[in-house]
Amino acid sequence: MTPEPPTPPSPGTPSSGDDFDFSALVAEHNQATVSKKSQGRRTKDSAGGSAPDVEQVSVEAVAKRERVGSQSVRASGSRWWQIGYPALVGVVSLIIIPVLVFVGLRVILDSSDGQLIKRVTDPAAPGYEAVVEKTPTAVAAVLAPDGTLDSAVVFALTSETSGGILLIPGTLGIPTDYGMFPLHEVWKADGIDAVAAGVGRVLNLNFTEKMTINATDWATLVGPYAPFSLNSPDAVRDAKDAVVFPKGSVTLKSDQIASFLTSKSSKDNDSNRLIRDELFWKAWMSKVKSSNAPFPVTIDSGIGRFVASVARGQLSVSSLPVIPVVAGSPVQGGGPMCMAQEAAALDAVAAIVPFPDGAPGARPRIRVLDGTGKLSNGINAAIILNAAGGQVDVVGNAKSYGQTTTQIIYFDGTSRETAQKMLDALTVGELVESKQSNSGADMTVMLGEDFLTKYGPTSGPSSLASSSTTSKAGSTSTTVRK
């Protein structure tokens, strides 16, 4: 630690180029005071005789000595600041800086967080790791002609030409800080942002895009592919319970889509309405796939990107499994409400989002490593763990092979209960608690021979689509898109 230098002489206000002399000012003040006393004595002495002004002479001598002493102190202080203090700082720096550098380097070398130790570019080699690019997802709010929210649609792209669609009822209960409210009430609060946040909270998803489909948008979106013929399981009724579309065979023109999807009466229930929505989305996707007409809106983003992509490849269209909320349940918002069936909803999401991106804290972050050299970087296990509610951010190989028993190593800050859920999903292995704090993952899954015996090898590293590389602790991390 560098010692503090002595306090420098007090700076003064310059006067005619000279430093302000505080001691001279004191002496001058004292001299004036003594002069007044002397004058008083002379006045007294004029009545009774005069006496020499000895006191005044001694004050002048003292003042002179003080001025000389002040100049000596300033000269001494000046020499210290010019020569002594810089020399002392230099000596201390030569001692302290090497110590600080040594300690700093030791801290860095002892830390594995973000450290690039070596580059491994071969997916089959020990130490290889790949950062998984999350499945692109989007949520759309489907609006009725009066501007209220009728339903929501979740899109996912598992590849450039395949994906899935999940239909969400507008009466889905959304947990908020003020209680449980139906999704259509959440829409009123903050529009599409509130819908994306609410649906994402229920499904444990972050959406890469969000959009709104107004009633007037359908004519443009389905125009090149209309009309649609489908078999409606129920008659479609309006708010006055009048039949708008009959039960059975129905042919829909482009300007009838909004009415078919959003018309409802008090007798309708979400299960029937979701079946109706599924029929429309399947008929539309089939027409898009078989048609040579270009999609009517941009396919670089938004609904055009997701619909045009999923329609021309392998497609899954399903509804979120829900159950009605019974009267008397602790919910807010009034009106009919339904709740997602947790286990079934998790399966529905896993079916179309193999590599989800969850909100912070919603899904445990997992690193999956193949400890056998035969499990293709653990891709198969990663999908199983994601389906169980996890979020696999990194896949790859252990630094050495020969792992016999699968281990789920959970780090400080992660509960044993959370790790147990992942173990239950794999059905093999053991839990290992680590006191280490790991900012990159909540747990590491080291796959062993027991996993290989139960599930067998996967298709191999060649199935991974490498699109970019970034550095990661101990390896080159290839971004894997699934």
Protein backbone atom coordinates (compact mmCIF):
# COMPACT_ATOMS: atom_id res chain seq x y z
CA MET A 1 0.00 0.00 0.00
CA THR A 2 1.46 3.40 -1.03
CA PRO A 3 1.98 5.66 2.03
CA GLU A 4 0.18 9.00 2.07
CA PRO A 5 2.50 11.98 1.50
CA PRO A 6 2.75 14.72 4.08
CA THR A 7 0.19 17.50 3.76
CA PRO A 8 1.58 20.16 1.40
CA PRO A 9 1.77 23.81 2.46
CA SER A 10 -1.63 25.48 2.44
CA PRO A 11 -2.20 27.20 -0.89
CA GLY A 12 -3.06 30.85 -0.81
CA THR A 13 -4.42 33.46 -3.12
CA PRO A 14 -1.63 34.89 -5.25
CA SER A 15 -0.84 38.55 -4.68
CA SER A 16 1.55 40.36 -6.98
CA GLY A 17 3.08 37.02 -7.98
CA ASP A 18 4.11 36.00 -4.39
CA ASP A 19 2.68 33.16 -2.27
CA PHE A 20 0.26 34.20 0.46
CA ASP A 21 2.24 34.40 3.79
CA PHE A 22 -0.09 33.38 6.61
CA SER A 23 2.56 33.79 9.37
CA ALA A 24 3.35 37.33 8.21
CA LEU A 25 -0.36 38.15 8.43
CA VAL A 26 -0.42 36.87 12.03
CA ALA A 27 2.65 38.92 12.88
CA GLU A 28 1.11 42.03 11.33
CA HIS A 29 -2.08 41.48 13.32
CA ASN A 30 -0.11 41.03 16.54
CA GLN A 31 1.93 44.16 15.85
CA ALA A 32 -1.23 46.19 15.32
CA THR A 33 -2.68 44.87 18.57
CA VAL A 34 0.49 45.67 20.53
CA SER A 35 0.69 49.16 18.98
CA LYS A 36 -2.78 49.90 20.29
CA LYS A 37 -1.70 48.75 23.76
CA SER A 38 1.48 50.84 23.54
CA GLN A 39 -0.49 53.90 22.55
CA GLY A 40 -2.67 53.32 25.57
CA ARG A 41 0.36 53.07 27.83
CA ARG A 42 1.93 56.19 26.30
CA THR A 43 -1.30 57.99 26.99
CA LYS A 44 -1.10 56.81 30.59
CA ASP A 45 2.61 57.66 30.75
CA SER A 46 2.00 61.16 29.45
CA ALA A 47 0.40 61.82 32.75
CA GLY A 48 2.98 60.06 34.82
CA GLY A 49 6.16 59.93 32.73
CA SER A 50 7.32 58.10 29.54
CA ALA A 51 8.81 54.62 29.15
CA PRO A 52 10.64 52.97 26.28
CA ASP A 53 8.44 50.87 23.81
CA VAL A 54 10.30 47.60 24.52
CA GLU A 55 7.21 45.38 23.78
CA GLN A 56 6.85 46.70 20.24
CA VAL A 57 10.49 45.95 19.43
CA SER A 58 10.18 42.34 20.58
CA VAL A 59 7.00 41.78 18.45
CA GLU A 60 8.80 42.97 15.33
CA ALA A 61 11.63 40.54 16.06
CA VAL A 62 9.18 37.67 16.51
CA ALA A 63 7.41 38.52 13.25
CA LYS A 64 10.72 38.53 11.41
CA ARG A 65 11.66 35.12 12.82
CA GLU A 66 8.23 33.75 11.79
CA ARG A 67 8.70 34.97 8.22
CA VAL A 68 12.10 33.35 8.01
CA GLY A 69 10.73 30.07 9.45
CA SER A 70 7.81 30.05 6.99
CA GLN A 71 10.17 30.47 4.05
CA SER A 72 12.29 27.60 5.38
CA VAL A 73 9.21 25.31 5.66
CA ARG A 74 8.11 26.18 2.12
CA ALA A 75 11.56 25.43 0.78
CA SER A 76 11.65 22.10 2.63
CA GLY A 77 8.14 21.15 1.48
CA SER A 78 8.97 22.05 -2.11
CA ARG A 79 12.06 19.80 -2.07
CA TRP A 80 9.94 16.90 -0.66
CA TRP A 81 7.28 17.19 -3.39
CA GLN A 82 9.85 17.57 -6.15
CA ILE A 83 12.27 14.81 -5.13
CA GLY A 84 11.26 12.76 -2.08
CA TYR A 85 7.63 11.91 -2.80
CA PRO A 86 8.12 10.75 -6.45
CA ALA A 87 11.06 8.61 -5.34
CA LEU A 88 8.98 6.96 -2.60
CA VAL A 89 6.07 6.27 -5.00
CA GLY A 90 8.44 4.68 -7.48
CA VAL A 91 9.95 2.37 -4.86
CA VAL A 92 6.54 1.27 -3.56
CA SER A 93 5.25 0.70 -7.13
CA LEU A 94 8.19 -1.56 -7.92
CA ILE A 95 7.19 -3.70 -4.94
CA ILE A 96 3.37 -3.62 -5.13
CA ILE A 97 2.65 -3.89 -8.89
CA PRO A 98 4.41 -7.26 -9.46
CA VAL A 99 2.49 -8.67 -6.47
CA LEU A 100 -0.85 -7.46 -7.88
CA VAL A 101 -0.05 -8.82 -11.34
CA PHE A 102 0.86 -12.22 -9.88
CA VAL A 103 -2.36 -12.39 -7.83
CA GLY A 104 -4.50 -11.27 -10.81
CA LEU A 105 -3.00 -13.84 -13.14
CA ARG A 106 -3.50 -16.56 -10.54
CA VAL A 107 -7.20 -15.65 -10.23
CA ILE A 108 -7.63 -15.78 -14.02
CA LEU A 109 -5.74 -19.05 -14.44
CA ASP A 110 -7.66 -20.69 -11.61
CA SER A 111 -11.02 -19.69 -13.16
CA SER A 112 -12.67 -21.85 -15.83
CA ASP A 113 -15.48 -19.40 -16.56
CA GLY A 114 -15.24 -18.41 -20.23
CA GLN A 115 -11.66 -19.68 -20.52
CA LEU A 116 -10.58 -20.99 -23.92
CA ILE A 117 -8.19 -23.83 -23.18
CA LYS A 118 -8.00 -25.46 -26.59
CA ARG A 119 -9.82 -25.72 -29.87
CA VAL A 120 -11.56 -28.97 -30.78
CA THR A 121 -13.15 -28.91 -34.22
CA ASP A 122 -13.87 -32.63 -34.70
CA PRO A 123 -17.41 -33.51 -33.46
CA ALA A 124 -16.21 -37.06 -32.71
CA ALA A 125 -13.20 -35.99 -30.63
CA PRO A 126 -13.13 -35.70 -26.84
CA GLY A 127 -13.68 -32.14 -25.60
CA TYR A 128 -15.83 -31.02 -28.52
CA GLU A 129 -18.80 -28.83 -27.56
CA ALA A 130 -21.58 -27.20 -29.57
CA VAL A 131 -23.84 -24.31 -28.58
CA VAL A 132 -27.38 -25.22 -29.53
CA GLU A 133 -29.33 -22.61 -31.49
CA LYS A 134 -32.86 -22.53 -30.08
CA THR A 135 -35.91 -23.48 -32.14
CA PRO A 136 -37.39 -20.30 -33.72
CA THR A 137 -40.84 -19.64 -32.28
CA ALA A 138 -43.58 -17.03 -32.68
CA VAL A 139 -46.94 -16.22 -31.16
CA ALA A 140 -49.85 -14.55 -32.98
CA ALA A 141 -52.93 -12.95 -31.45
CA VAL A 142 -56.05 -13.70 -33.54
CA LEU A 143 -58.57 -10.86 -33.20
CA ALA A 144 -62.33 -10.79 -33.71
CA PRO A 145 -63.93 -8.05 -35.89
CA ASP A 146 -64.61 -5.95 -32.76
CA GLY A 147 -60.91 -5.96 -31.84
CA THR A 148 -61.15 -8.37 -28.91
CA LEU A 149 -58.81 -11.34 -28.66
CA ASP A 150 -60.37 -14.59 -29.87
CA SER A 151 -57.40 -16.97 -29.67
CA ALA A 152 -53.63 -17.24 -30.02
CA VAL A 153 -51.42 -19.35 -32.27
CA VAL A 154 -47.90 -20.60 -31.46
CA PHE A 155 -45.57 -21.36 -34.39
CA ALA A 156 -42.30 -23.27 -34.30
CA LEU A 157 -39.70 -24.04 -36.99
CA THR A 158 -37.80 -27.27 -36.36
CA SER A 159 -36.02 -26.79 -39.71
CA GLU A 160 -36.28 -24.57 -42.77
CA THR A 161 -39.15 -26.68 -44.13
CA SER A 162 -40.84 -28.22 -41.11
CA GLY A 163 -42.40 -27.21 -37.86
CA GLY A 164 -45.60 -27.06 -35.91
CA ILE A 165 -48.64 -24.99 -34.98
CA LEU A 166 -50.23 -24.98 -31.51
CA LEU A 167 -53.65 -23.35 -31.07
CA ILE A 168 -54.40 -21.52 -27.80
CA PRO A 169 -57.96 -20.58 -26.66
CA GLY A 170 -58.65 -16.99 -25.63
CA THR A 171 -60.05 -18.24 -22.33
CA LEU A 172 -56.72 -19.79 -21.25
CA GLY A 173 -56.00 -18.78 -17.66
CA ILE A 174 -52.83 -16.69 -17.31
CA PRO A 175 -51.19 -16.24 -13.89
CA THR A 176 -50.49 -12.59 -13.06
CA ASP A 177 -49.44 -10.61 -10.00
CA TYR A 178 -53.14 -9.91 -9.41
CA GLY A 179 -54.50 -13.42 -9.79
CA MET A 180 -55.53 -15.64 -12.70
CA PHE A 181 -57.06 -13.91 -15.72
CA PRO A 182 -58.23 -15.26 -19.10
CA LEU A 183 -55.96 -14.47 -22.04
CA HIS A 184 -58.50 -12.18 -23.71
CA GLU A 185 -58.46 -9.97 -20.58
CA VAL A 186 -54.65 -9.94 -20.57
CA TRP A 187 -54.80 -8.70 -24.19
CA LYS A 188 -56.77 -5.65 -23.03
CA ALA A 189 -53.97 -4.75 -20.60
CA ASP A 190 -51.01 -4.49 -22.98
CA GLY A 191 -51.84 -6.03 -26.36
CA ILE A 192 -49.53 -8.51 -28.05
CA ASP A 193 -46.72 -7.95 -25.53
CA ALA A 194 -48.99 -9.12 -22.71
CA VAL A 195 -50.18 -12.09 -24.78
CA ALA A 196 -46.61 -13.17 -25.59
CA ALA A 197 -45.56 -12.85 -21.96
CA GLY A 198 -48.65 -14.68 -20.67
CA VAL A 199 -48.55 -17.59 -23.11
CA GLY A 200 -44.78 -17.82 -22.65
CA ARG A 201 -45.26 -18.05 -18.89
CA VAL A 202 -47.70 -20.96 -19.25
CA LEU A 203 -45.58 -22.81 -21.82
CA ASN A 204 -42.13 -21.83 -20.42
CA LEU A 205 -41.11 -20.27 -23.73
CA ASN A 206 -39.52 -17.09 -25.01
CA PHE A 207 -40.80 -16.16 -28.46
CA THR A 208 -38.48 -14.87 -31.16
CA GLU A 209 -41.38 -13.09 -32.91
CA LYS A 210 -44.85 -11.87 -32.01
CA MET A 211 -47.62 -10.64 -34.30
CA THR A 212 -51.31 -9.76 -34.54
CA ILE A 213 -53.81 -11.11 -37.11
CA ASN A 214 -56.74 -8.74 -37.52
CA ALA A 215 -60.08 -9.85 -38.94
CA THR A 216 -59.35 -7.94 -42.15
CA ASP A 217 -55.98 -9.68 -42.65
CA TRP A 218 -57.51 -13.05 -43.50
CA ALA A 219 -58.69 -12.03 -46.96
CA THR A 220 -55.08 -11.18 -47.91
CA LEU A 221 -53.48 -14.20 -46.23
CA VAL A 222 -55.79 -16.87 -47.63
CA GLY A 223 -56.85 -15.11 -50.83
CA PRO A 224 -54.61 -17.10 -53.24
CA TYR A 225 -55.75 -20.42 -51.71
CA ALA A 226 -59.51 -19.96 -51.14
CA PRO A 227 -62.07 -21.46 -51.13
CA PHE A 228 -61.65 -24.09 -48.42
CA SER A 229 -63.88 -27.12 -47.99
CA LEU A 230 -64.05 -28.81 -44.60
CA ASN A 231 -66.41 -30.77 -42.37
CA SER A 232 -67.44 -28.73 -39.32
CA PRO A 233 -68.23 -30.88 -36.24
CA ASP A 234 -70.76 -28.33 -34.95
CA ALA A 235 -72.86 -25.48 -36.23
CA VAL A 236 -71.16 -22.12 -35.89
CA ARG A 237 -73.37 -19.63 -34.04
CA ASP A 238 -73.02 -15.93 -33.31
CA ALA A 239 -73.56 -14.05 -30.04
CA LYS A 240 -77.35 -14.11 -30.57
CA ASP A 241 -77.20 -17.90 -31.01
CA ALA A 242 -78.09 -17.62 -34.71
CA VAL A 243 -76.48 -20.20 -37.02
CA VAL A 244 -73.77 -18.63 -39.16
CA PHE A 245 -72.35 -21.87 -40.66
CA PRO A 246 -74.18 -25.22 -40.52
CA LYS A 247 -72.84 -28.44 -39.08
CA GLY A 248 -71.21 -30.70 -41.66
CA SER A 249 -69.74 -29.79 -45.03
CA VAL A 250 -68.75 -26.13 -45.30
CA THR A 251 -67.10 -24.16 -48.10
CA LEU A 252 -65.36 -20.99 -46.98
CA LYS A 253 -64.49 -17.96 -49.09
CA SER A 254 -61.63 -15.69 -48.07
CA ASP A 255 -63.97 -13.03 -46.61
CA GLN A 256 -65.71 -15.65 -44.44
CA ILE A 257 -62.65 -16.89 -42.54
CA ALA A 258 -62.81 -14.35 -39.71
CA SER A 259 -66.49 -15.10 -39.09
CA PHE A 260 -65.92 -18.88 -39.14
CA LEU A 261 -63.04 -18.67 -36.64
CA THR A 262 -64.32 -16.05 -34.20
CA SER A 263 -68.12 -16.37 -34.12
CA LYS A 264 -69.32 -17.87 -30.85
CA SER A 265 -72.37 -18.11 -28.66
CA SER A 266 -72.77 -18.64 -24.94
CA LYS A 267 -73.35 -22.34 -25.67
CA ASP A 268 -69.93 -22.83 -27.29
CA ASN A 269 -67.03 -24.43 -25.45
CA ASP A 270 -63.33 -24.18 -26.14
CA SER A 271 -62.87 -27.84 -27.01
CA ASN A 272 -65.31 -27.64 -29.94
CA ARG A 273 -63.96 -24.29 -31.11
CA LEU A 274 -60.37 -25.55 -31.09
CA ILE A 275 -61.39 -28.51 -33.27
CA ARG A 276 -62.94 -26.04 -35.71
CA ASP A 277 -59.72 -23.98 -35.70
CA GLU A 278 -57.61 -27.09 -36.34
CA LEU A 279 -59.71 -27.99 -39.36
CA PHE A 280 -59.18 -24.56 -40.89
CA TRP A 281 -55.42 -24.43 -40.25
CA LYS A 282 -54.91 -27.91 -41.74
CA ALA A 283 -56.98 -27.03 -44.83
CA TRP A 284 -55.05 -23.78 -45.29
CA MET A 285 -51.62 -25.40 -44.87
CA SER A 286 -52.58 -28.13 -47.34
CA LYS A 287 -53.53 -25.52 -49.95
CA VAL A 288 -50.29 -23.57 -49.40
CA LYS A 289 -48.27 -26.77 -49.84
CA SER A 290 -49.98 -27.84 -53.06
CA SER A 291 -50.22 -24.38 -54.63
CA ASN A 292 -47.65 -22.79 -56.90
CA ALA A 293 -48.86 -19.31 -55.97
CA PRO A 294 -46.32 -17.20 -54.05
CA PHE A 295 -47.24 -16.45 -50.49
CA PRO A 296 -49.07 -13.09 -50.43
CA VAL A 297 -46.92 -11.44 -47.74
CA THR A 298 -43.19 -11.40 -47.05
CA ILE A 299 -41.68 -14.74 -46.03
CA ASP A 300 -38.59 -13.21 -44.42
CA SER A 301 -40.35 -12.53 -41.13
CA GLY A 302 -43.68 -12.56 -39.40
CA ILE A 303 -46.49 -14.92 -40.23
CA GLY A 304 -45.24 -15.36 -43.79
CA ARG A 305 -41.94 -16.80 -42.56
CA PHE A 306 -43.58 -19.39 -40.34
CA VAL A 307 -46.60 -20.37 -42.44
CA ALA A 308 -44.74 -20.59 -45.76
CA SER A 309 -42.01 -22.70 -44.14
CA VAL A 310 -44.06 -25.17 -42.13
CA ALA A 311 -46.70 -25.63 -44.83
CA ARG A 312 -44.21 -26.89 -47.41
CA GLY A 313 -42.62 -29.51 -45.16
CA GLN A 314 -43.47 -31.82 -42.31
CA LEU A 315 -46.21 -30.17 -40.29
CA SER A 316 -47.91 -30.71 -36.95
CA VAL A 317 -51.16 -28.87 -36.11
CA SER A 318 -52.60 -29.39 -32.64
CA SER A 319 -54.48 -27.66 -29.83
CA LEU A 320 -53.21 -26.95 -26.35
CA PRO A 321 -54.75 -29.54 -23.99
CA VAL A 322 -56.97 -27.61 -21.56
CA ILE A 323 -59.59 -28.31 -18.90
CA PRO A 324 -62.38 -25.94 -17.82
CA VAL A 325 -62.04 -24.08 -14.54
CA VAL A 326 -64.85 -25.12 -12.22
CA ALA A 327 -66.97 -22.55 -10.41
CA GLY A 328 -65.53 -21.44 -7.10
CA SER A 329 -61.87 -21.82 -8.15
CA PRO A 330 -59.51 -18.98 -7.04
CA VAL A 331 -59.42 -17.12 -10.37
CA GLN A 332 -60.04 -13.52 -11.39
CA GLY A 333 -61.47 -11.79 -14.43
CA GLY A 334 -64.89 -13.37 -14.62
CA GLY A 335 -66.41 -15.36 -17.49
CA PRO A 336 -65.45 -18.86 -18.62
CA MET A 337 -61.84 -19.88 -18.16
CA CYS A 338 -59.75 -22.97 -18.83
CA MET A 339 -56.39 -24.18 -17.59
CA ALA A 340 -53.58 -25.95 -19.42
CA GLN A 341 -53.05 -29.58 -18.44
CA GLU A 342 -49.46 -29.29 -17.28
CA ALA A 343 -48.05 -32.66 -18.36
CA ALA A 344 -49.98 -32.75 -21.64
CA ALA A 345 -49.08 -29.13 -22.40
CA LEU A 346 -45.40 -29.92 -21.86
CA ASP A 347 -45.69 -32.79 -24.35
CA ALA A 348 -47.48 -30.55 -26.87
CA VAL A 349 -44.68 -27.98 -26.69
CA ALA A 350 -41.96 -30.64 -26.89
CA ALA A 351 -43.56 -32.05 -30.05
CA ILE A 352 -42.91 -28.84 -31.99
CA VAL A 353 -40.09 -27.15 -30.01
CA PRO A 354 -37.24 -29.64 -29.57
CA PHE A 355 -34.79 -26.94 -28.37
CA PRO A 356 -36.78 -24.36 -26.37
CA ASP A 357 -35.62 -21.04 -25.03
CA GLY A 358 -37.28 -20.42 -21.68
CA ALA A 359 -37.67 -17.31 -19.61
CA PRO A 360 -34.91 -16.78 -16.98
CA GLY A 361 -35.45 -19.28 -14.19
CA ALA A 362 -38.30 -21.07 -15.97
CA ARG A 363 -36.19 -23.94 -17.29
CA PRO A 364 -32.96 -25.35 -15.83
CA ARG A 365 -30.01 -24.70 -18.18
CA ILE A 366 -28.27 -27.94 -19.06
CA ARG A 367 -24.98 -28.99 -20.65
CA VAL A 368 -25.09 -32.52 -22.13
CA LEU A 369 -21.83 -34.39 -22.78
CA ASP A 370 -21.35 -37.82 -24.34
CA GLY A 371 -19.05 -39.80 -22.07
CA THR A 372 -18.98 -42.88 -24.35
CA GLY A 373 -17.99 -41.48 -27.74
CA LYS A 374 -20.98 -43.26 -29.32
CA LEU A 375 -23.94 -40.97 -28.61
CA SER A 376 -23.48 -38.25 -31.23
CA ASN A 377 -22.79 -35.40 -28.80
CA GLY A 378 -25.82 -36.33 -26.67
CA ILE A 379 -28.47 -34.99 -29.08
CA ASN A 380 -30.93 -37.77 -28.23
CA ALA A 381 -30.63 -37.11 -24.49
CA ALA A 382 -30.93 -33.36 -25.07
CA ILE A 383 -34.34 -33.77 -26.71
CA ILE A 384 -35.54 -35.97 -23.83
CA LEU A 385 -34.38 -33.43 -21.25
CA ASN A 386 -35.98 -30.53 -23.11
CA ALA A 387 -39.27 -32.42 -23.29
CA ALA A 388 -39.12 -32.82 -19.52
CA GLY A 389 -38.91 -29.06 -19.03
CA GLY A 390 -35.18 -28.50 -19.34
CA GLN A 391 -33.23 -26.17 -21.61
CA VAL A 392 -30.16 -27.71 -23.19
CA ASP A 393 -27.78 -24.93 -24.22
CA VAL A 394 -24.68 -27.00 -24.98
CA VAL A 395 -24.10 -30.51 -26.34
CA GLY A 396 -20.81 -32.27 -27.00
CA ASN A 397 -18.31 -34.80 -25.77
CA ALA A 398 -16.62 -35.33 -22.43
CA LYS A 399 -12.88 -34.66 -22.22
CA SER A 400 -12.35 -38.40 -22.06
CA TYR A 401 -14.49 -41.46 -22.78
CA GLY A 402 -15.21 -44.55 -20.67
CA GLN A 403 -18.08 -43.20 -18.54
CA THR A 404 -20.04 -46.21 -17.24
CA THR A 405 -22.88 -44.57 -15.27
CA THR A 406 -24.75 -41.49 -16.42
CA GLN A 407 -24.34 -38.62 -13.97
CA ILE A 408 -26.52 -35.56 -13.53
CA ILE A 409 -24.23 -33.07 -11.81
CA TYR A 410 -26.21 -30.18 -10.37
CA PHE A 411 -24.42 -27.06 -9.19
CA ASP A 412 -24.82 -24.75 -6.25
CA GLY A 413 -28.10 -22.85 -6.59
CA THR A 414 -29.93 -25.70 -8.32
CA SER A 415 -32.32 -27.79 -6.23
CA ARG A 416 -32.10 -31.56 -5.97
CA GLU A 417 -35.77 -31.72 -6.90
CA THR A 418 -35.06 -30.03 -10.25
CA ALA A 419 -32.19 -32.44 -10.95
CA GLN A 420 -34.40 -35.38 -9.97
CA LYS A 421 -36.94 -34.41 -12.67
CA MET A 422 -34.22 -34.66 -15.28
CA LEU A 423 -33.09 -38.01 -13.87
CA ASP A 424 -36.68 -39.29 -13.99
CA ALA A 425 -36.87 -38.26 -17.66
CA LEU A 426 -33.70 -40.19 -18.57
CA THR A 427 -34.68 -43.14 -16.28
CA VAL A 428 -30.99 -44.04 -15.91
CA GLY A 429 -28.04 -42.61 -14.00
CA GLU A 430 -27.38 -40.98 -10.65
CA LEU A 431 -27.42 -37.53 -9.09
CA VAL A 432 -24.16 -35.83 -8.10
CA GLU A 433 -24.25 -32.65 -6.04
CA SER A 434 -21.53 -30.09 -6.71
CA LYS A 435 -20.77 -27.12 -4.47
CA GLN A 436 -19.21 -25.36 -7.43
CA SER A 437 -20.99 -22.27 -8.72
CA ASN A 438 -21.41 -22.47 -12.49
CA SER A 439 -22.67 -19.38 -14.30
CA GLY A 440 -22.92 -21.26 -17.60
CA ALA A 441 -25.33 -24.03 -16.58
CA ASP A 442 -27.49 -25.28 -13.74
CA MET A 443 -26.39 -28.84 -14.32
CA THR A 444 -24.15 -31.00 -16.51
CA VAL A 445 -25.40 -34.37 -17.75
CA MET A 446 -22.55 -36.81 -18.40
CA LEU A 447 -23.94 -39.71 -20.46
CA GLY A 448 -22.60 -43.18 -19.74
CA GLU A 449 -22.82 -46.73 -21.03
CA ASP A 450 -26.14 -47.26 -19.20
CA PHE A 451 -27.79 -44.62 -21.41
CA LEU A 452 -26.23 -46.18 -24.52
CA THR A 453 -27.55 -49.61 -23.53
CA LYS A 454 -31.11 -48.34 -23.05
CA TYR A 455 -31.47 -45.92 -25.96
CA GLY A 456 -28.77 -46.99 -28.41
CA PRO A 457 -26.58 -44.71 -30.52
CA THR A 458 -28.13 -41.86 -32.48
CA SER A 459 -27.62 -41.03 -36.14
CA GLY A 460 -24.13 -39.59 -35.69
CA PRO A 461 -22.40 -36.20 -35.72
CA SER A 462 -23.05 -35.77 -39.43
CA SER A 463 -26.69 -35.03 -38.60
CA LEU A 464 -25.68 -31.79 -36.90
CA ALA A 465 -26.03 -28.71 -39.09
CA SER A 466 -23.06 -26.52 -38.21
CA SER A 467 -23.71 -22.89 -39.00
CA SER A 468 -21.14 -20.93 -36.96
CA THR A 469 -18.44 -21.27 -34.30
CA THR A 470 -17.84 -19.47 -31.05
CA SER A 471 -15.41 -20.00 -28.18
CA LYS A 472 -16.47 -21.99 -25.13
CA ALA A 473 -14.66 -23.28 -22.08
CA GLY A 474 -12.38 -26.08 -23.14
CA SER A 475 -13.46 -26.32 -26.77
CA THR A 476 -14.64 -24.82 -29.98
CA SER A 477 -18.40 -24.41 -29.72
CA THR A 478 -20.28 -25.02 -32.95
CA THR A 479 -23.76 -23.57 -33.12
CA VAL A 480 -26.17 -26.40 -33.76
CA ARG A 481 -29.57 -25.56 -35.08
CA LYS A 482 -32.45 -27.91 -34.50
